[in-house]
Amino acid sequence: MKRALLLSLVLTTCVAVQAQLSPAARDSLARLSAQDHEHMRGQLGITTPNRPGPSGNPQAPNAANRHEEKVNTYTLPDPLVLKNGKPVKTAKDWWEKRRPEIVEDFDREVYGRLPGNIPSVTWKVVSVKDTTVGSYPVKEKTLSGIVDNSSCPDIEVKIELVLTTPANANAPVPVVMEFGFIRWPFGNPPAETGNRLGSPNEPGWKEQLLSRGWGFAVLNPASIQADHGAGLRHGIIGLVNKGQPRKPDDWGALRAWAWGASRAIDYLETDKDADAKRLAIEGLSRYGKAAVVAMAYEPRFSLGFIGSAGAGGTKILRRVFGEQVENLASGAEYHWFCGNFIKYASTLTPDDLPVDAHELVALCAPRPVFISSGSPQVEGQWVDAKGMFLAGVHAGPVYRLLGKKDLGAAEFPIIGTPLVSGDIAFRQHAGGHSTGPNWSTWIAWACRYWGDCRYD
């Protein structure tokens, strides 16, 4: 268990770039991130230190809460009540009135606004090769999305995407896009059998998809925007800002990664091997946060598979259990969000947030979303599985308003129980910080919407 916990922490806290840097270089990144964090606090007029976040170490004096009986009482914003206090009773009112209000709150206070002057992306096929994944013959395309940097030639952005489809497909196939690593940055990559810390006796997730006749794409978030505050003057955020600091409502890395996923869809819509009407987004941990943000903002994703997204993703932020807003707004994680989010760990509190995670899930409606988590014994309780479950529960009224099925349960289920009868789904598997053990459940659930595409 200790080894699994250690590997889980590595996967949660390391990023591709930093994993290959020297201690001195990592210290430099931390110092530059701290300076940028302080610069943003200055823009916000914050002069006192942020409230410190709890520790993920259960033995620490300031350990995060891990006990349900100590969870605070909180009140969630109602996704079906307008800011003027009037109830939302029709789908038209949701689309034309309430949904834009919620989007505006997330844009201004949490994830940041998408700039109006984002340069265009030109996709280039770098290579095409015939290869195999397990026993399945596939076609693998390596692609580069070159962002126009004529406005700031010193900053280059090339989005890395690899698309893999069955070699024997005779029609465009559904594609699952994963926020992930194209080149594994932590030494030897894990075997595909084992499902990325998952079930060792199941085929890997790629083989499971191929067995259905589906394809997959891996999108490298680090090629879009670096995963640290020191990188905010580079990547797509830095390019748009011409190397200058962000303003308080400028987008953070999560929104930037989601933007990159949308640009990948732009390419997939032109590729005859991909069925652009059947695209899903999947991610784990911080990339799970990016996946639900992408799903919420990008209507062309028809399905979502959101793995252990936790706070800042599918966990109720007001709920004092596991990771807290104070952790997210610290110098280590603030870059995922807009600068205004820092206020909620200093001059304001999480209860002052105009939105919460259930409304992020609600923005995905009416499209189906599967929320995944690991066990408290192996993954730990930092991600707050129950808090993620509750986000699904409280998004239910919006799904019902739009004629879809909700989660179908209000009581947190026993570990391993698949709640898959609705268009919001949830399962807490018995493994660690991974979507691995839930892939087979997700695929069976997704078949209700996509069907099989097997080839003789």
Protein backbone atom coordinates (compact mmCIF):
# COMPACT_ATOMS: atom_id res chain seq x y z
CA MET A 1 0.00 0.00 0.00
CA LYS A 2 2.84 2.42 0.77
CA ARG A 3 4.29 1.87 -2.70
CA ALA A 4 0.90 2.47 -4.32
CA LEU A 5 0.40 5.63 -2.27
CA LEU A 6 3.86 6.90 -3.18
CA LEU A 7 3.28 6.32 -6.89
CA SER A 8 -0.11 7.98 -6.59
CA LEU A 9 1.51 11.04 -5.07
CA VAL A 10 4.12 11.12 -7.81
CA LEU A 11 1.46 11.01 -10.49
CA THR A 12 -0.53 13.69 -8.71
CA THR A 13 2.25 16.16 -8.00
CA CYS A 14 4.77 15.75 -10.82
CA VAL A 15 4.53 17.12 -14.32
CA ALA A 16 6.32 16.10 -17.47
CA VAL A 17 8.69 19.04 -17.62
CA GLN A 18 9.61 19.20 -13.97
CA ALA A 19 10.20 15.47 -13.72
CA GLN A 20 13.24 15.84 -15.97
CA LEU A 21 14.72 18.97 -14.34
CA SER A 22 17.57 19.30 -11.90
CA PRO A 23 16.84 20.38 -8.30
CA ALA A 24 18.23 23.82 -9.09
CA ALA A 25 15.92 24.18 -12.10
CA ARG A 26 12.91 23.05 -10.05
CA ASP A 27 13.84 25.60 -7.37
CA SER A 28 13.99 28.27 -10.05
CA LEU A 29 10.52 27.34 -11.31
CA ALA A 30 9.16 27.43 -7.77
CA ARG A 31 10.71 30.85 -7.18
CA LEU A 32 9.33 32.30 -10.41
CA SER A 33 5.90 30.81 -9.67
CA ALA A 34 5.95 32.40 -6.21
CA GLN A 35 6.84 35.77 -7.72
CA ASP A 36 4.02 35.55 -10.25
CA HIS A 37 1.60 34.44 -7.52
CA GLU A 38 2.57 37.44 -5.42
CA HIS A 39 2.21 39.74 -8.42
CA MET A 40 -1.36 38.55 -8.91
CA ARG A 41 -2.13 39.01 -5.22
CA GLY A 42 -0.89 42.57 -5.62
CA GLN A 43 -3.26 43.15 -8.54
CA LEU A 44 -6.08 41.92 -6.31
CA GLY A 45 -5.06 44.25 -3.48
CA ILE A 46 -4.37 41.36 -1.11
CA THR A 47 -1.78 42.39 1.49
CA THR A 48 -2.11 39.62 4.10
CA PRO A 49 -0.95 36.02 3.58
CA ASN A 50 -3.35 33.51 2.11
CA ARG A 51 -4.90 31.04 4.52
CA PRO A 52 -2.75 27.89 4.40
CA GLY A 53 -4.29 24.75 2.98
CA PRO A 54 -4.38 21.46 4.89
CA SER A 55 -1.79 18.74 4.36
CA GLY A 56 -2.42 15.61 2.34
CA ASN A 57 -0.32 13.69 4.89
CA PRO A 58 -2.75 12.09 7.38
CA GLN A 59 -0.03 12.21 10.06
CA ALA A 60 0.62 15.95 9.74
CA PRO A 61 -0.62 18.31 12.48
CA ASN A 62 -2.63 20.20 9.86
CA ALA A 63 -3.89 17.08 8.06
CA ALA A 64 -6.91 17.49 5.81
CA ASN A 65 -10.19 16.29 7.24
CA ARG A 66 -10.86 12.61 6.51
CA HIS A 67 -13.90 12.08 8.74
CA GLU A 68 -17.49 12.53 7.58
CA GLU A 69 -18.68 13.53 11.04
CA LYS A 70 -16.40 16.59 10.84
CA VAL A 71 -17.69 17.83 7.50
CA ASN A 72 -19.09 21.34 7.70
CA THR A 73 -22.63 22.44 6.93
CA TYR A 74 -22.83 24.36 3.67
CA THR A 75 -25.39 25.71 1.22
CA LEU A 76 -24.93 25.20 -2.51
CA PRO A 77 -26.03 27.69 -5.16
CA ASP A 78 -29.14 26.41 -6.93
CA PRO A 79 -28.38 25.74 -10.61
CA LEU A 80 -32.06 26.27 -11.45
CA VAL A 81 -32.56 29.65 -9.79
CA LEU A 82 -31.65 32.83 -11.65
CA LYS A 83 -29.62 35.53 -9.96
CA ASN A 84 -32.79 37.60 -9.70
CA GLY A 85 -34.31 34.82 -7.60
CA LYS A 86 -36.70 33.49 -10.22
CA PRO A 87 -36.84 29.72 -10.80
CA VAL A 88 -35.82 28.15 -14.09
CA LYS A 89 -38.74 26.06 -15.29
CA THR A 90 -38.04 25.44 -18.98
CA ALA A 91 -35.15 24.23 -21.10
CA LYS A 92 -35.28 27.54 -22.97
CA ASP A 93 -34.73 29.48 -19.75
CA TRP A 94 -31.78 27.21 -18.93
CA TRP A 95 -30.06 27.77 -22.27
CA GLU A 96 -30.85 31.44 -22.69
CA LYS A 97 -30.75 32.74 -19.09
CA ARG A 98 -29.36 30.50 -16.35
CA ARG A 99 -26.58 28.69 -18.18
CA PRO A 100 -24.97 31.96 -19.37
CA GLU A 101 -25.04 33.23 -15.77
CA ILE A 102 -23.18 30.15 -14.54
CA VAL A 103 -20.65 30.32 -17.40
CA GLU A 104 -19.97 33.97 -16.58
CA ASP A 105 -19.32 33.14 -12.91
CA PHE A 106 -16.90 30.35 -13.80
CA ASP A 107 -15.19 32.60 -16.35
CA ARG A 108 -14.77 35.53 -13.99
CA GLU A 109 -14.06 33.79 -10.68
CA VAL A 110 -12.68 30.28 -11.31
CA TYR A 111 -11.24 29.24 -14.67
CA GLY A 112 -10.81 32.57 -16.45
CA ARG A 113 -12.05 34.00 -19.69
CA LEU A 114 -11.15 32.72 -23.12
CA PRO A 115 -9.40 35.65 -24.84
CA GLY A 116 -10.92 37.06 -27.97
CA ASN A 117 -7.60 37.29 -29.78
CA ILE A 118 -6.37 33.69 -29.65
CA PRO A 119 -4.34 33.00 -32.79
CA SER A 120 -5.24 30.28 -35.26
CA VAL A 121 -3.88 26.73 -35.24
CA THR A 122 -2.64 24.92 -38.35
CA TRP A 123 -2.46 21.14 -38.07
CA LYS A 124 0.38 19.21 -39.66
CA VAL A 125 0.66 15.42 -39.97
CA VAL A 126 4.18 14.67 -38.74
CA SER A 127 4.10 10.92 -39.38
CA VAL A 128 1.79 8.00 -40.12
CA LYS A 129 2.76 4.43 -39.33
CA ASP A 130 1.22 0.97 -39.15
CA THR A 131 1.88 -0.67 -35.80
CA THR A 132 0.15 -2.76 -33.15
CA VAL A 133 -1.32 -2.17 -29.70
CA GLY A 134 -1.34 -5.55 -28.00
CA SER A 135 -2.68 -7.86 -30.69
CA TYR A 136 -4.56 -5.13 -32.54
CA PRO A 137 -3.19 -3.69 -35.80
CA VAL A 138 -3.56 0.09 -35.81
CA LYS A 139 -2.79 3.22 -37.77
CA GLU A 140 -0.92 5.79 -35.66
CA LYS A 141 -0.77 9.43 -36.71
CA THR A 142 1.49 11.92 -34.96
CA LEU A 143 0.25 15.48 -35.36
CA SER A 144 1.46 18.96 -34.55
CA GLY A 145 -0.89 21.90 -34.10
CA ILE A 146 1.21 24.94 -34.94
CA VAL A 147 -0.13 28.13 -33.36
CA ASP A 148 0.33 31.35 -35.32
CA ASN A 149 2.87 33.36 -33.32
CA SER A 150 3.27 36.29 -35.67
CA SER A 151 2.09 38.61 -32.90
CA CYS A 152 4.92 37.44 -30.61
CA PRO A 153 7.59 35.44 -32.50
CA ASP A 154 9.62 34.75 -29.35
CA ILE A 155 6.94 32.37 -28.05
CA GLU A 156 6.22 29.17 -29.98
CA VAL A 157 3.36 26.78 -29.26
CA LYS A 158 3.03 23.41 -31.00
CA ILE A 159 0.20 21.22 -29.76
CA GLU A 160 1.16 17.54 -29.63
CA LEU A 161 -1.49 14.97 -30.53
CA VAL A 162 -1.28 11.28 -31.42
CA LEU A 163 -4.33 9.63 -33.01
CA THR A 164 -4.61 5.84 -33.10
CA THR A 165 -7.38 4.03 -34.99
CA PRO A 166 -8.04 0.37 -35.90
CA ALA A 167 -6.18 -0.56 -39.07
CA ASN A 168 -9.11 -2.59 -40.39
CA ALA A 169 -11.77 0.06 -39.89
CA ASN A 170 -13.96 0.57 -42.93
CA ALA A 171 -15.65 3.72 -41.64
CA PRO A 172 -14.83 6.60 -39.28
CA VAL A 173 -14.60 5.37 -35.67
CA PRO A 174 -15.47 6.89 -32.28
CA VAL A 175 -12.43 8.38 -30.55
CA VAL A 176 -11.63 8.85 -26.86
CA MET A 177 -9.29 11.79 -26.35
CA GLU A 178 -7.09 11.56 -23.26
CA PHE A 179 -5.20 14.38 -21.59
CA GLY A 180 -1.99 12.48 -21.00
CA PHE A 181 1.64 11.78 -21.73
CA ILE A 182 2.82 11.10 -25.26
CA ARG A 183 6.28 10.48 -23.85
CA TRP A 184 6.25 9.01 -20.32
CA PRO A 185 8.33 11.39 -18.12
CA PHE A 186 8.90 9.20 -15.06
CA GLY A 187 11.41 6.60 -16.23
CA ASN A 188 10.11 3.34 -17.69
CA PRO A 189 6.43 3.60 -18.70
CA PRO A 190 3.92 1.31 -16.97
CA ALA A 191 2.79 -1.74 -18.89
CA GLU A 192 -0.48 -1.34 -20.76
CA THR A 193 -1.75 -4.48 -19.06
CA GLY A 194 -2.44 -3.17 -15.61
CA ASN A 195 -4.50 -0.22 -16.74
CA ARG A 196 -2.26 2.47 -15.30
CA LEU A 197 -2.20 1.23 -11.69
CA GLY A 198 -5.47 -0.56 -12.35
CA SER A 199 -6.52 -4.20 -12.61
CA PRO A 200 -3.51 -6.37 -13.58
CA ASN A 201 -5.65 -9.09 -15.15
CA GLU A 202 -7.51 -6.82 -17.57
CA PRO A 203 -6.23 -5.61 -20.92
CA GLY A 204 -5.02 -2.03 -20.99
CA TRP A 205 -7.49 0.73 -21.75
CA LYS A 206 -6.20 1.16 -25.29
CA GLU A 207 -6.76 -2.51 -26.08
CA GLN A 208 -10.23 -2.38 -24.54
CA LEU A 209 -11.17 0.52 -26.80
CA LEU A 210 -9.72 -1.16 -29.86
CA SER A 211 -11.64 -4.35 -29.06
CA ARG A 212 -14.81 -2.32 -29.56
CA GLY A 213 -13.59 -0.93 -32.84
CA TRP A 214 -12.96 2.49 -31.28
CA GLY A 215 -9.87 4.68 -31.51
CA PHE A 216 -8.09 6.95 -29.09
CA ALA A 217 -6.06 10.13 -29.14
CA VAL A 218 -3.52 11.35 -26.59
CA LEU A 219 -3.20 15.11 -26.20
CA ASN A 220 -0.16 16.50 -24.37
CA PRO A 221 -1.30 19.39 -22.12
CA ALA A 222 2.28 20.54 -21.50
CA SER A 223 2.60 21.34 -25.21
CA ILE A 224 -0.27 23.81 -24.79
CA GLN A 225 0.56 25.39 -21.44
CA ALA A 226 3.16 24.52 -18.80
CA ASP A 227 1.89 23.14 -15.50
CA HIS A 228 3.41 25.80 -13.23
CA GLY A 229 3.09 29.49 -12.56
CA ALA A 230 6.53 30.21 -14.00
CA GLY A 231 5.17 29.21 -17.41
CA LEU A 232 2.28 31.69 -17.50
CA ARG A 233 4.31 34.12 -19.63
CA HIS A 234 4.91 31.33 -22.13
CA GLY A 235 2.67 28.73 -23.79
CA ILE A 236 -0.65 29.80 -25.26
CA ILE A 237 -1.42 32.09 -22.29
CA GLY A 238 1.91 33.88 -22.66
CA LEU A 239 1.58 34.06 -26.43
CA VAL A 240 -1.80 35.79 -26.25
CA ASN A 241 -0.43 38.18 -23.59
CA LYS A 242 2.82 38.75 -25.53
CA GLY A 243 4.86 37.57 -22.57
CA GLN A 244 3.20 39.87 -20.04
CA PRO A 245 1.55 38.86 -16.72
CA ARG A 246 -2.08 37.83 -16.59
CA LYS A 247 -4.93 40.07 -15.50
CA PRO A 248 -7.18 38.73 -12.69
CA ASP A 249 -9.82 37.25 -15.00
CA ASP A 250 -7.43 35.88 -17.63
CA TRP A 251 -7.62 32.14 -18.25
CA GLY A 252 -5.56 29.61 -16.32
CA ALA A 253 -3.96 26.35 -17.39
CA LEU A 254 -7.13 24.25 -17.05
CA ARG A 255 -9.03 26.47 -19.46
CA ALA A 256 -5.99 26.60 -21.76
CA TRP A 257 -5.72 22.81 -21.84
CA ALA A 258 -9.45 22.62 -22.59
CA TRP A 259 -8.95 25.12 -25.42
CA GLY A 260 -6.26 22.81 -26.81
CA ALA A 261 -8.71 19.91 -26.75
CA SER A 262 -11.15 22.00 -28.79
CA ARG A 263 -8.44 22.69 -31.36
CA ALA A 264 -7.74 18.95 -31.51
CA ILE A 265 -11.43 18.44 -32.34
CA ASP A 266 -11.00 20.95 -35.16
CA TYR A 267 -8.44 18.56 -36.62
CA LEU A 268 -10.47 15.40 -35.96
CA GLU A 269 -13.40 16.90 -37.86
CA THR A 270 -11.18 16.83 -40.96
CA ASP A 271 -9.79 13.30 -40.49
CA LYS A 272 -11.66 10.56 -42.35
CA ASP A 273 -10.57 7.97 -39.78
CA ALA A 274 -12.35 9.71 -36.86
CA ASP A 275 -16.08 10.02 -36.25
CA ALA A 276 -16.31 13.60 -34.99
CA LYS A 277 -19.88 13.01 -33.81
CA ARG A 278 -18.66 10.40 -31.32
CA LEU A 279 -15.83 11.97 -29.35
CA ALA A 280 -15.17 11.57 -25.63
CA ILE A 281 -12.75 13.33 -23.27
CA GLU A 282 -10.90 11.51 -20.47
CA GLY A 283 -8.36 12.57 -17.88
CA LEU A 284 -7.05 11.74 -14.42
CA SER A 285 -6.32 14.02 -11.45
CA ARG A 286 -5.36 17.50 -12.69
CA TYR A 287 -6.11 16.21 -16.16
CA GLY A 288 -9.47 15.03 -14.83
CA LYS A 289 -10.10 18.65 -13.86
CA ALA A 290 -9.14 19.68 -17.39
CA ALA A 291 -11.41 16.98 -18.84
CA VAL A 292 -14.54 18.19 -17.04
CA VAL A 293 -13.71 21.81 -17.93
CA ALA A 294 -13.32 20.76 -21.56
CA MET A 295 -16.60 18.84 -21.44
CA ALA A 296 -18.42 21.80 -19.90
CA TYR A 297 -17.19 24.33 -22.44
CA GLU A 298 -16.93 22.20 -25.61
CA PRO A 299 -20.29 20.88 -26.90
CA ARG A 300 -18.63 18.68 -29.53
CA PHE A 301 -17.58 16.16 -26.86
CA SER A 302 -20.46 13.70 -26.66
CA LEU A 303 -19.21 11.76 -23.59
CA GLY A 304 -16.99 12.46 -20.58
CA PHE A 305 -14.88 10.16 -18.39
CA ILE A 306 -13.69 12.24 -15.45
CA GLY A 307 -11.10 10.51 -13.26
CA SER A 308 -10.40 11.57 -9.65
CA ALA A 309 -10.71 15.25 -10.55
CA GLY A 310 -11.19 16.32 -6.93
CA ALA A 311 -11.12 19.96 -5.87
CA GLY A 312 -11.20 22.36 -8.79
CA GLY A 313 -12.90 19.64 -10.83
CA THR A 314 -15.87 17.52 -9.74
CA LYS A 315 -15.57 17.86 -5.93
CA ILE A 316 -17.84 20.24 -3.99
CA LEU A 317 -15.49 23.10 -3.06
CA ARG A 318 -17.51 24.20 -0.04
CA ARG A 319 -17.19 20.75 1.54
CA VAL A 320 -14.37 20.61 4.11
CA PHE A 321 -12.93 17.20 3.32
CA GLY A 322 -9.64 16.46 1.56
CA GLU A 323 -8.07 19.11 -0.65
CA GLN A 324 -9.40 22.63 -0.16
CA VAL A 325 -9.63 25.94 -2.01
CA GLU A 326 -6.67 27.13 0.05
CA ASN A 327 -4.51 24.43 -1.57
CA LEU A 328 -5.74 25.29 -5.04
CA ALA A 329 -5.10 29.01 -4.58
CA SER A 330 -1.56 28.50 -3.28
CA GLY A 331 1.60 29.20 -5.27
CA ALA A 332 1.72 25.54 -6.29
CA GLU A 333 -1.68 25.30 -8.02
CA TYR A 334 -3.07 28.80 -8.61
CA HIS A 335 -1.96 28.72 -12.24
CA TRP A 336 -4.74 26.24 -13.02
CA PHE A 337 -7.25 29.02 -12.38
CA CYS A 338 -7.75 32.70 -13.05
CA GLY A 339 -6.20 35.17 -10.62
CA ASN A 340 -9.56 36.09 -9.09
CA PHE A 341 -9.80 32.60 -7.62
CA ILE A 342 -7.04 33.48 -5.14
CA LYS A 343 -9.48 35.77 -3.32
CA TYR A 344 -11.37 32.78 -1.96
CA ALA A 345 -8.35 31.71 0.09
CA SER A 346 -7.67 35.20 1.45
CA THR A 347 -10.19 38.05 1.56
CA LEU A 348 -13.14 35.73 0.81
CA THR A 349 -14.04 32.14 1.68
CA PRO A 350 -15.25 29.18 -0.39
CA ASP A 351 -18.79 29.94 0.80
CA ASP A 352 -18.53 33.22 -1.12
CA LEU A 353 -18.00 31.43 -4.44
CA PRO A 354 -20.91 32.15 -6.79
CA VAL A 355 -20.66 28.62 -8.23
CA ASP A 356 -19.56 25.14 -7.20
CA ALA A 357 -18.65 21.83 -8.85
CA HIS A 358 -22.23 20.60 -9.29
CA GLU A 359 -22.79 23.51 -11.65
CA LEU A 360 -19.69 22.61 -13.65
CA VAL A 361 -21.15 19.12 -14.13
CA ALA A 362 -24.49 20.75 -14.98
CA LEU A 363 -22.80 22.71 -17.80
CA CYS A 364 -22.10 19.34 -19.45
CA ALA A 365 -25.84 18.60 -19.67
CA PRO A 366 -27.53 17.02 -21.49
CA ARG A 367 -24.44 15.05 -22.55
CA PRO A 368 -23.50 11.97 -20.46
CA VAL A 369 -20.74 12.26 -17.84
CA PHE A 370 -19.08 9.44 -15.87
CA ILE A 371 -17.37 10.44 -12.59
CA SER A 372 -14.64 8.03 -11.46
CA SER A 373 -12.61 7.67 -8.26
CA GLY A 374 -10.37 5.20 -6.45
CA SER A 375 -10.62 3.64 -3.01
CA PRO A 376 -9.82 5.57 0.18
CA GLN A 377 -7.39 2.82 1.24
CA VAL A 378 -5.27 2.98 -1.92
CA GLU A 379 -5.92 6.33 -3.59
CA GLY A 380 -6.39 8.12 -0.28
CA GLN A 381 -9.06 10.66 0.55
CA TRP A 382 -7.46 13.83 -0.79
CA VAL A 383 -9.72 13.82 -3.88
CA ASP A 384 -12.89 13.33 -1.77
CA ALA A 385 -14.83 10.66 -3.63
CA LYS A 386 -18.06 11.51 -1.82
CA GLY A 387 -17.64 15.19 -2.69
CA MET A 388 -17.41 14.22 -6.35
CA PHE A 389 -20.44 11.95 -6.04
CA LEU A 390 -22.41 14.84 -4.53
CA ALA A 391 -21.54 17.08 -7.45
CA GLY A 392 -23.20 14.50 -9.67
CA VAL A 393 -26.22 14.32 -7.37
CA HIS A 394 -26.74 18.09 -7.32
CA ALA A 395 -26.31 18.42 -11.10
CA GLY A 396 -29.26 16.05 -11.49
CA PRO A 397 -32.04 18.68 -11.59
CA VAL A 398 -30.53 20.25 -14.71
CA TYR A 399 -30.30 16.89 -16.47
CA ARG A 400 -33.91 16.14 -15.56
CA LEU A 401 -35.04 19.55 -16.82
CA LEU A 402 -33.43 18.73 -20.17
CA GLY A 403 -35.17 15.37 -20.38
CA LYS A 404 -32.23 13.22 -19.26
CA LYS A 405 -31.73 10.79 -16.38
CA ASP A 406 -29.92 11.86 -13.23
CA LEU A 407 -27.53 9.77 -11.14
CA GLY A 408 -30.39 7.73 -9.74
CA ALA A 409 -29.09 7.80 -6.16
CA ALA A 410 -28.61 10.32 -3.36
CA GLU A 411 -26.78 8.08 -0.88
CA PHE A 412 -23.06 7.47 -1.36
CA PRO A 413 -22.71 3.88 -2.64
CA ILE A 414 -20.59 1.01 -1.37
CA ILE A 415 -17.22 0.86 -3.12
CA GLY A 416 -17.39 -0.94 -6.46
CA THR A 417 -21.08 -0.18 -7.00
CA PRO A 418 -21.65 1.06 -10.57
CA LEU A 419 -24.27 3.79 -10.75
CA VAL A 420 -24.71 3.65 -14.52
CA SER A 421 -28.45 3.77 -15.18
CA GLY A 422 -28.47 7.50 -15.89
CA ASP A 423 -26.78 10.13 -18.00
CA ILE A 424 -24.69 11.05 -14.97
CA ALA A 425 -22.76 7.98 -13.80
CA PHE A 426 -20.44 7.28 -10.86
CA ARG A 427 -18.23 4.44 -9.67
CA GLN A 428 -15.59 4.27 -6.94
CA HIS A 429 -13.28 1.40 -7.86
CA ALA A 430 -11.05 -0.54 -5.48
CA GLY A 431 -7.75 0.57 -7.03
CA GLY A 432 -5.53 3.61 -6.67
CA HIS A 433 -5.21 7.01 -8.31
CA SER A 434 -6.24 5.79 -11.74
CA THR A 435 -9.11 5.48 -14.14
CA GLY A 436 -7.80 1.98 -14.94
CA PRO A 437 -10.24 -0.26 -13.04
CA ASN A 438 -13.20 1.79 -14.31
CA TRP A 439 -12.44 1.59 -18.02
CA SER A 440 -14.45 -1.57 -18.62
CA THR A 441 -17.42 -0.11 -16.73
CA TRP A 442 -17.16 3.16 -18.64
CA ILE A 443 -16.94 1.40 -22.00
CA ALA A 444 -20.02 -0.72 -21.29
CA TRP A 445 -21.88 2.45 -20.24
CA ALA A 446 -20.63 4.37 -23.31
CA CYS A 447 -21.89 1.59 -25.61
CA ARG A 448 -25.42 2.70 -24.76
CA TYR A 449 -24.68 5.91 -26.63
CA TRP A 450 -22.12 4.85 -29.23
CA GLY A 451 -22.85 1.18 -29.88
CA ASP A 452 -20.15 -1.22 -31.03
CA CYS A 453 -17.99 -0.69 -34.12
CA ARG A 454 -16.35 -4.11 -34.34
CA TYR A 455 -15.04 -5.25 -37.69
CA ASP A 456 -15.01 -8.77 -39.13
